[in-house]
PDB file of all heavy atoms in Angstrom:
ATOM      1  N   GLN A   1     -10.604 -16.845  -3.155  1.00  0.00           N
ATOM      2  CA  GLN A   1      -9.366 -16.264  -3.655  1.00  0.00           C
ATOM      3  C   GLN A   1      -8.326 -16.171  -2.546  1.00  0.00           C
ATOM      4  O   GLN A   1      -8.653 -16.207  -1.362  1.00  0.00           O
ATOM      5  CB  GLN A   1      -9.633 -14.874  -4.243  1.00  0.00           C
ATOM      6  CG  GLN A   1     -10.565 -14.877  -5.432  1.00  0.00           C
ATOM      7  CD  GLN A   1     -10.673 -13.518  -6.094  1.00  0.00           C
ATOM      8  OE1 GLN A   1      -9.811 -12.651  -5.920  1.00  0.00           O
ATOM      9  NE2 GLN A   1     -11.739 -13.331  -6.857  1.00  0.00           N
ATOM     10  N   GLU A   2      -7.088 -16.040  -2.956  1.00  0.00           N
ATOM     11  CA  GLU A   2      -6.009 -15.880  -1.988  1.00  0.00           C
ATOM     12  C   GLU A   2      -6.014 -14.454  -1.434  1.00  0.00           C
ATOM     13  O   GLU A   2      -6.462 -13.520  -2.084  1.00  0.00           O
ATOM     14  CB  GLU A   2      -4.655 -16.179  -2.645  1.00  0.00           C
ATOM     15  CG  GLU A   2      -4.489 -17.637  -3.049  1.00  0.00           C
ATOM     16  CD  GLU A   2      -3.085 -17.927  -3.549  1.00  0.00           C
ATOM     17  OE1 GLU A   2      -2.282 -16.985  -3.661  1.00  0.00           O
ATOM     18  OE2 GLU A   2      -2.800 -19.102  -3.820  1.00  0.00           O
ATOM     19  N   ARG A   3      -5.508 -14.338  -0.233  1.00  0.00           N
ATOM     20  CA  ARG A   3      -5.360 -13.013   0.367  1.00  0.00           C
ATOM     21  C   ARG A   3      -4.322 -12.218  -0.417  1.00  0.00           C
ATOM     22  O   ARG A   3      -3.286 -12.762  -0.812  1.00  0.00           O
ATOM     23  CB  ARG A   3      -4.932 -13.159   1.815  1.00  0.00           C
ATOM     24  CG  ARG A   3      -4.766 -11.868   2.576  1.00  0.00           C
ATOM     25  CD  ARG A   3      -4.532 -12.163   4.047  1.00  0.00           C
ATOM     26  NE  ARG A   3      -3.447 -13.094   4.246  1.00  0.00           N
ATOM     27  CZ  ARG A   3      -3.163 -13.690   5.390  1.00  0.00           C
ATOM     28  NH1 ARG A   3      -3.930 -13.473   6.450  1.00  0.00           N
ATOM     29  NH2 ARG A   3      -2.145 -14.514   5.491  1.00  0.00           N
ATOM     30  N   GLU A   4      -4.595 -10.963  -0.644  1.00  0.00           N
ATOM     31  CA  GLU A   4      -3.650 -10.117  -1.373  1.00  0.00           C
ATOM     32  C   GLU A   4      -3.369  -8.848  -0.579  1.00  0.00           C
ATOM     33  O   GLU A   4      -4.260  -8.287   0.060  1.00  0.00           O
ATOM     34  CB  GLU A   4      -4.171  -9.766  -2.777  1.00  0.00           C
ATOM     35  CG  GLU A   4      -5.462  -8.982  -2.820  1.00  0.00           C
ATOM     36  CD  GLU A   4      -5.865  -8.611  -4.238  1.00  0.00           C
ATOM     37  OE1 GLU A   4      -5.103  -8.851  -5.196  1.00  0.00           O
ATOM     38  OE2 GLU A   4      -6.976  -8.066  -4.395  1.00  0.00           O
ATOM     39  N   GLY A   5      -2.141  -8.437  -0.631  1.00  0.00           N
ATOM     40  CA  GLY A   5      -1.741  -7.185   0.007  1.00  0.00           C
ATOM     41  C   GLY A   5      -2.055  -6.036  -0.923  1.00  0.00           C
ATOM     42  O   GLY A   5      -1.593  -6.003  -2.057  1.00  0.00           O
ATOM     43  N   ILE A   6      -2.853  -5.090  -0.465  1.00  0.00           N
ATOM     44  CA  ILE A   6      -3.282  -4.013  -1.350  1.00  0.00           C
ATOM     45  C   ILE A   6      -2.618  -2.682  -1.037  1.00  0.00           C
ATOM     46  O   ILE A   6      -2.490  -1.837  -1.932  1.00  0.00           O
ATOM     47  CB  ILE A   6      -4.807  -3.858  -1.345  1.00  0.00           C
ATOM     48  CG1 ILE A   6      -5.320  -3.576   0.077  1.00  0.00           C
ATOM     49  CG2 ILE A   6      -5.479  -5.082  -1.928  1.00  0.00           C
ATOM     50  CD1 ILE A   6      -6.796  -3.203   0.103  1.00  0.00           C
ATOM     51  N   SER A   7      -2.173  -2.500   0.184  1.00  0.00           N
ATOM     52  CA  SER A   7      -1.552  -1.222   0.512  1.00  0.00           C
ATOM     53  C   SER A   7      -0.723  -1.372   1.775  1.00  0.00           C
ATOM     54  O   SER A   7      -0.960  -2.276   2.582  1.00  0.00           O
ATOM     55  CB  SER A   7      -2.616  -0.139   0.720  1.00  0.00           C
ATOM     56  OG  SER A   7      -2.018   1.119   0.960  1.00  0.00           O
ATOM     57  N   CYS A   8       0.249  -0.482   1.936  1.00  0.00           N
ATOM     58  CA  CYS A   8       1.055  -0.478   3.150  1.00  0.00           C
ATOM     59  C   CYS A   8       1.608   0.927   3.362  1.00  0.00           C
ATOM     60  O   CYS A   8       1.698   1.725   2.426  1.00  0.00           O
ATOM     61  CB  CYS A   8       2.195  -1.483   3.073  1.00  0.00           C
ATOM     62  SG  CYS A   8       3.360  -1.182   1.744  1.00  0.00           S
ATOM     63  N   ILE A   9       1.966   1.175   4.615  1.00  0.00           N
ATOM     64  CA  ILE A   9       2.635   2.425   4.955  1.00  0.00           C
ATOM     65  C   ILE A   9       3.781   2.083   5.885  1.00  0.00           C
ATOM     66  O   ILE A   9       3.596   1.396   6.893  1.00  0.00           O
ATOM     67  CB  ILE A   9       1.656   3.451   5.574  1.00  0.00           C
ATOM     68  CG1 ILE A   9       2.357   4.789   5.839  1.00  0.00           C
ATOM     69  CG2 ILE A   9       0.985   2.919   6.832  1.00  0.00           C
ATOM     70  CD1 ILE A   9       1.391   5.933   6.148  1.00  0.00           C
ATOM     71  N   SER A  10       4.967   2.515   5.552  1.00  0.00           N
ATOM     72  CA  SER A  10       6.152   2.143   6.325  1.00  0.00           C
ATOM     73  C   SER A  10       6.205   2.925   7.631  1.00  0.00           C
ATOM     74  O   SER A  10       5.468   3.892   7.839  1.00  0.00           O
ATOM     75  CB  SER A  10       7.408   2.378   5.509  1.00  0.00           C
ATOM     76  OG  SER A  10       7.653   3.773   5.350  1.00  0.00           O
ATOM     77  N   ALA A  11       7.097   2.518   8.496  1.00  0.00           N
ATOM     78  CA  ALA A  11       7.326   3.231   9.740  1.00  0.00           C
ATOM     79  C   ALA A  11       7.763   4.672   9.455  1.00  0.00           C
ATOM     80  O   ALA A  11       8.311   4.964   8.381  1.00  0.00           O
ATOM     81  CB  ALA A  11       8.386   2.522  10.564  1.00  0.00           C
ATOM     82  N   VAL A  12       7.516   5.535  10.403  1.00  0.00           N
ATOM     83  CA  VAL A  12       7.886   6.940  10.219  1.00  0.00           C
ATOM     84  C   VAL A  12       9.380   7.064   9.951  1.00  0.00           C
ATOM     85  O   VAL A  12       9.809   7.843   9.097  1.00  0.00           O
ATOM     86  CB  VAL A  12       7.467   7.765  11.448  1.00  0.00           C
ATOM     87  CG1 VAL A  12       8.055   9.173  11.381  1.00  0.00           C
ATOM     88  CG2 VAL A  12       5.952   7.824  11.545  1.00  0.00           C
ATOM     89  N   ARG A  13      10.190   6.258  10.647  1.00  0.00           N
ATOM     90  CA  ARG A  13      11.646   6.340  10.462  1.00  0.00           C
ATOM     91  C   ARG A  13      12.074   5.934   9.063  1.00  0.00           C
ATOM     92  O   ARG A  13      13.174   6.264   8.611  1.00  0.00           O
ATOM     93  CB  ARG A  13      12.361   5.459  11.485  1.00  0.00           C
ATOM     94  CG  ARG A  13      12.135   3.974  11.305  1.00  0.00           C
ATOM     95  CD  ARG A  13      12.923   3.143  12.307  1.00  0.00           C
ATOM     96  NE  ARG A  13      12.743   1.712  12.076  1.00  0.00           N
ATOM     97  CZ  ARG A  13      11.754   1.001  12.590  1.00  0.00           C
ATOM     98  NH1 ARG A  13      10.857   1.588  13.362  1.00  0.00           N
ATOM     99  NH2 ARG A  13      11.666  -0.286  12.344  1.00  0.00           N
ATOM    100  N   ASP A  14      11.192   5.207   8.370  1.00  0.00           N
ATOM    101  CA  ASP A  14      11.451   4.811   6.989  1.00  0.00           C
ATOM    102  C   ASP A  14      10.700   5.692   6.015  1.00  0.00           C
ATOM    103  O   ASP A  14      10.507   5.311   4.844  1.00  0.00           O
ATOM    104  CB  ASP A  14      11.066   3.344   6.793  1.00  0.00           C
ATOM    105  CG  ASP A  14      11.979   2.401   7.558  1.00  0.00           C
ATOM    106  OD1 ASP A  14      13.175   2.329   7.226  1.00  0.00           O
ATOM    107  OD2 ASP A  14      11.499   1.769   8.517  1.00  0.00           O
ATOM    108  N   GLY A  15      10.249   6.834   6.496  1.00  0.00           N
ATOM    109  CA  GLY A  15       9.675   7.830   5.616  1.00  0.00           C
ATOM    110  C   GLY A  15       8.189   7.766   5.395  1.00  0.00           C
ATOM    111  O   GLY A  15       7.651   8.488   4.560  1.00  0.00           O
ATOM    112  N   SER A  16       7.501   6.875   6.140  1.00  0.00           N
ATOM    113  CA  SER A  16       6.058   6.694   5.923  1.00  0.00           C
ATOM    114  C   SER A  16       5.756   6.469   4.446  1.00  0.00           C
ATOM    115  O   SER A  16       4.791   7.006   3.891  1.00  0.00           O
ATOM    116  CB  SER A  16       5.265   7.887   6.459  1.00  0.00           C
ATOM    117  OG  SER A  16       5.329   7.941   7.874  1.00  0.00           O
ATOM    118  N   THR A  17       6.605   5.702   3.826  1.00  0.00           N
ATOM    119  CA  THR A  17       6.441   5.395   2.409  1.00  0.00           C
ATOM    120  C   THR A  17       5.219   4.518   2.210  1.00  0.00           C
ATOM    121  O   THR A  17       4.990   3.576   2.974  1.00  0.00           O
ATOM    122  CB  THR A  17       7.684   4.677   1.886  1.00  0.00           C
ATOM    123  OG1 THR A  17       8.834   5.488   2.129  1.00  0.00           O
ATOM    124  CG2 THR A  17       7.564   4.402   0.395  1.00  0.00           C
ATOM    125  N   THR A  18       4.453   4.831   1.184  1.00  0.00           N
ATOM    126  CA  THR A  18       3.244   4.064   0.913  1.00  0.00           C
ATOM    127  C   THR A  18       3.426   3.205  -0.338  1.00  0.00           C
ATOM    128  O   THR A  18       4.242   3.508  -1.212  1.00  0.00           O
ATOM    129  CB  THR A  18       2.028   4.983   0.732  1.00  0.00           C
ATOM    130  OG1 THR A  18       2.275   5.880  -0.361  1.00  0.00           O
ATOM    131  CG2 THR A  18       1.766   5.786   1.998  1.00  0.00           C
ATOM    132  N   GLY A  19       2.645   2.149  -0.398  1.00  0.00           N
ATOM    133  CA  GLY A  19       2.665   1.281  -1.556  1.00  0.00           C
ATOM    134  C   GLY A  19       1.275   0.746  -1.831  1.00  0.00           C
ATOM    135  O   GLY A  19       0.469   0.597  -0.900  1.00  0.00           O
ATOM    136  N   TYR A  20       1.000   0.477  -3.107  1.00  0.00           N
ATOM    137  CA  TYR A  20      -0.328   0.010  -3.509  1.00  0.00           C
ATOM    138  C   TYR A  20      -0.217  -1.047  -4.594  1.00  0.00           C
ATOM    139  O   TYR A  20       0.678  -0.997  -5.443  1.00  0.00           O
ATOM    140  CB  TYR A  20      -1.163   1.175  -4.065  1.00  0.00           C
ATOM    141  CG  TYR A  20      -1.368   2.301  -3.092  1.00  0.00           C
ATOM    142  CD1 TYR A  20      -0.491   3.382  -3.063  1.00  0.00           C
ATOM    143  CD2 TYR A  20      -2.430   2.287  -2.195  1.00  0.00           C
ATOM    144  CE1 TYR A  20      -0.663   4.411  -2.161  1.00  0.00           C
ATOM    145  CE2 TYR A  20      -2.612   3.313  -1.285  1.00  0.00           C
ATOM    146  CZ  TYR A  20      -1.722   4.374  -1.275  1.00  0.00           C
ATOM    147  OH  TYR A  20      -1.896   5.386  -0.375  1.00  0.00           O
ATOM    148  N   ILE A  21      -1.154  -1.957  -4.554  1.00  0.00           N
ATOM    149  CA  ILE A  21      -1.270  -2.890  -5.658  1.00  0.00           C
ATOM    150  C   ILE A  21      -1.851  -2.125  -6.842  1.00  0.00           C
ATOM    151  O   ILE A  21      -2.600  -1.142  -6.668  1.00  0.00           O
ATOM    152  CB  ILE A  21      -2.174  -4.078  -5.231  1.00  0.00           C
ATOM    153  CG1 ILE A  21      -2.054  -5.239  -6.198  1.00  0.00           C
ATOM    154  CG2 ILE A  21      -3.620  -3.640  -5.083  1.00  0.00           C
ATOM    155  CD1 ILE A  21      -2.768  -6.509  -5.699  1.00  0.00           C
ATOM    156  N   ASP A  22      -1.518  -2.553  -8.066  1.00  0.00           N
ATOM    157  CA  ASP A  22      -1.915  -1.793  -9.248  1.00  0.00           C
ATOM    158  C   ASP A  22      -3.420  -1.581  -9.327  1.00  0.00           C
ATOM    159  O   ASP A  22      -3.887  -0.521  -9.772  1.00  0.00           O
ATOM    160  CB  ASP A  22      -1.423  -2.488 -10.517  1.00  0.00           C
ATOM    161  CG  ASP A  22       0.070  -2.315 -10.734  1.00  0.00           C
ATOM    162  OD1 ASP A  22       0.684  -1.465 -10.045  1.00  0.00           O
ATOM    163  OD2 ASP A  22       0.629  -3.033 -11.582  1.00  0.00           O
ATOM    164  N   SER A  23      -4.178  -2.570  -8.916  1.00  0.00           N
ATOM    165  CA  SER A  23      -5.633  -2.502  -9.099  1.00  0.00           C
ATOM    166  C   SER A  23      -6.308  -1.428  -8.246  1.00  0.00           C
ATOM    167  O   SER A  23      -7.460  -1.081  -8.499  1.00  0.00           O
ATOM    168  CB  SER A  23      -6.267  -3.861  -8.802  1.00  0.00           C
ATOM    169  OG  SER A  23      -5.992  -4.257  -7.485  1.00  0.00           O
ATOM    170  N   VAL A  24      -5.610  -0.872  -7.257  1.00  0.00           N
ATOM    171  CA  VAL A  24      -6.225   0.155  -6.411  1.00  0.00           C
ATOM    172  C   VAL A  24      -5.509   1.502  -6.509  1.00  0.00           C
ATOM    173  O   VAL A  24      -5.953   2.479  -5.907  1.00  0.00           O
ATOM    174  CB  VAL A  24      -6.299  -0.286  -4.932  1.00  0.00           C
ATOM    175  CG1 VAL A  24      -6.962  -1.651  -4.803  1.00  0.00           C
ATOM    176  CG2 VAL A  24      -4.941  -0.278  -4.264  1.00  0.00           C
ATOM    177  N   LYS A  25      -4.425   1.552  -7.260  1.00  0.00           N
ATOM    178  CA  LYS A  25      -3.696   2.816  -7.406  1.00  0.00           C
ATOM    179  C   LYS A  25      -4.601   3.895  -7.980  1.00  0.00           C
ATOM    180  O   LYS A  25      -5.335   3.677  -8.939  1.00  0.00           O
ATOM    181  CB  LYS A  25      -2.482   2.629  -8.308  1.00  0.00           C
ATOM    182  CG  LYS A  25      -1.311   1.952  -7.633  1.00  0.00           C
ATOM    183  CD  LYS A  25      -0.127   1.819  -8.588  1.00  0.00           C
ATOM    184  CE  LYS A  25       1.047   1.132  -7.911  1.00  0.00           C
ATOM    185  NZ  LYS A  25       2.187   0.920  -8.837  1.00  0.00           N
ATOM    186  N   GLY A  26      -4.536   5.065  -7.367  1.00  0.00           N
ATOM    187  CA  GLY A  26      -5.355   6.183  -7.806  1.00  0.00           C
ATOM    188  C   GLY A  26      -6.753   6.178  -7.218  1.00  0.00           C
ATOM    189  O   GLY A  26      -7.478   7.164  -7.343  1.00  0.00           O
ATOM    190  N   ARG A  27      -7.141   5.089  -6.566  1.00  0.00           N
ATOM    191  CA  ARG A  27      -8.481   5.008  -5.953  1.00  0.00           C
ATOM    192  C   ARG A  27      -8.403   4.913  -4.439  1.00  0.00           C
ATOM    193  O   ARG A  27      -9.269   5.427  -3.749  1.00  0.00           O
ATOM    194  CB  ARG A  27      -9.238   3.792  -6.491  1.00  0.00           C
ATOM    195  CG  ARG A  27      -9.454   3.807  -7.981  1.00  0.00           C
ATOM    196  CD  ARG A  27     -10.407   2.711  -8.426  1.00  0.00           C
ATOM    197  NE  ARG A  27      -9.899   1.368  -8.132  1.00  0.00           N
ATOM    198  CZ  ARG A  27     -10.534   0.462  -7.386  1.00  0.00           C
ATOM    199  NH1 ARG A  27     -11.701   0.733  -6.836  1.00  0.00           N
ATOM    200  NH2 ARG A  27      -9.989  -0.747  -7.183  1.00  0.00           N
ATOM    201  N   PHE A  28      -7.394   4.226  -3.931  1.00  0.00           N
ATOM    202  CA  PHE A  28      -7.254   4.012  -2.491  1.00  0.00           C
ATOM    203  C   PHE A  28      -6.088   4.855  -1.969  1.00  0.00           C
ATOM    204  O   PHE A  28      -5.106   5.086  -2.680  1.00  0.00           O
ATOM    205  CB  PHE A  28      -6.961   2.542  -2.184  1.00  0.00           C
ATOM    206  CG  PHE A  28      -8.109   1.593  -2.415  1.00  0.00           C
ATOM    207  CD1 PHE A  28      -9.255   1.976  -3.092  1.00  0.00           C
ATOM    208  CD2 PHE A  28      -8.029   0.289  -1.957  1.00  0.00           C
ATOM    209  CE1 PHE A  28     -10.300   1.100  -3.304  1.00  0.00           C
ATOM    210  CE2 PHE A  28      -9.062  -0.605  -2.157  1.00  0.00           C
ATOM    211  CZ  PHE A  28     -10.192  -0.197  -2.838  1.00  0.00           C
ATOM    212  N   ALA A  29      -6.193   5.258  -0.717  1.00  0.00           N
ATOM    213  CA  ALA A  29      -5.118   6.019  -0.083  1.00  0.00           C
ATOM    214  C   ALA A  29      -4.982   5.582   1.364  1.00  0.00           C
ATOM    215  O   ALA A  29      -5.974   5.568   2.104  1.00  0.00           O
ATOM    216  CB  ALA A  29      -5.390   7.514  -0.161  1.00  0.00           C
TER     217      ALA A  29
END
C-alpha cells in the first residue's frame, strides 16, 4: 500500500493544531 499520513501536530506558533485521518479519529492522539 501507499504511505498515508495519519496524524500531525503543527508548530507551537501555529497553535499546536492536530489533525487525523478519518480512520484513526477518536482512537489515536
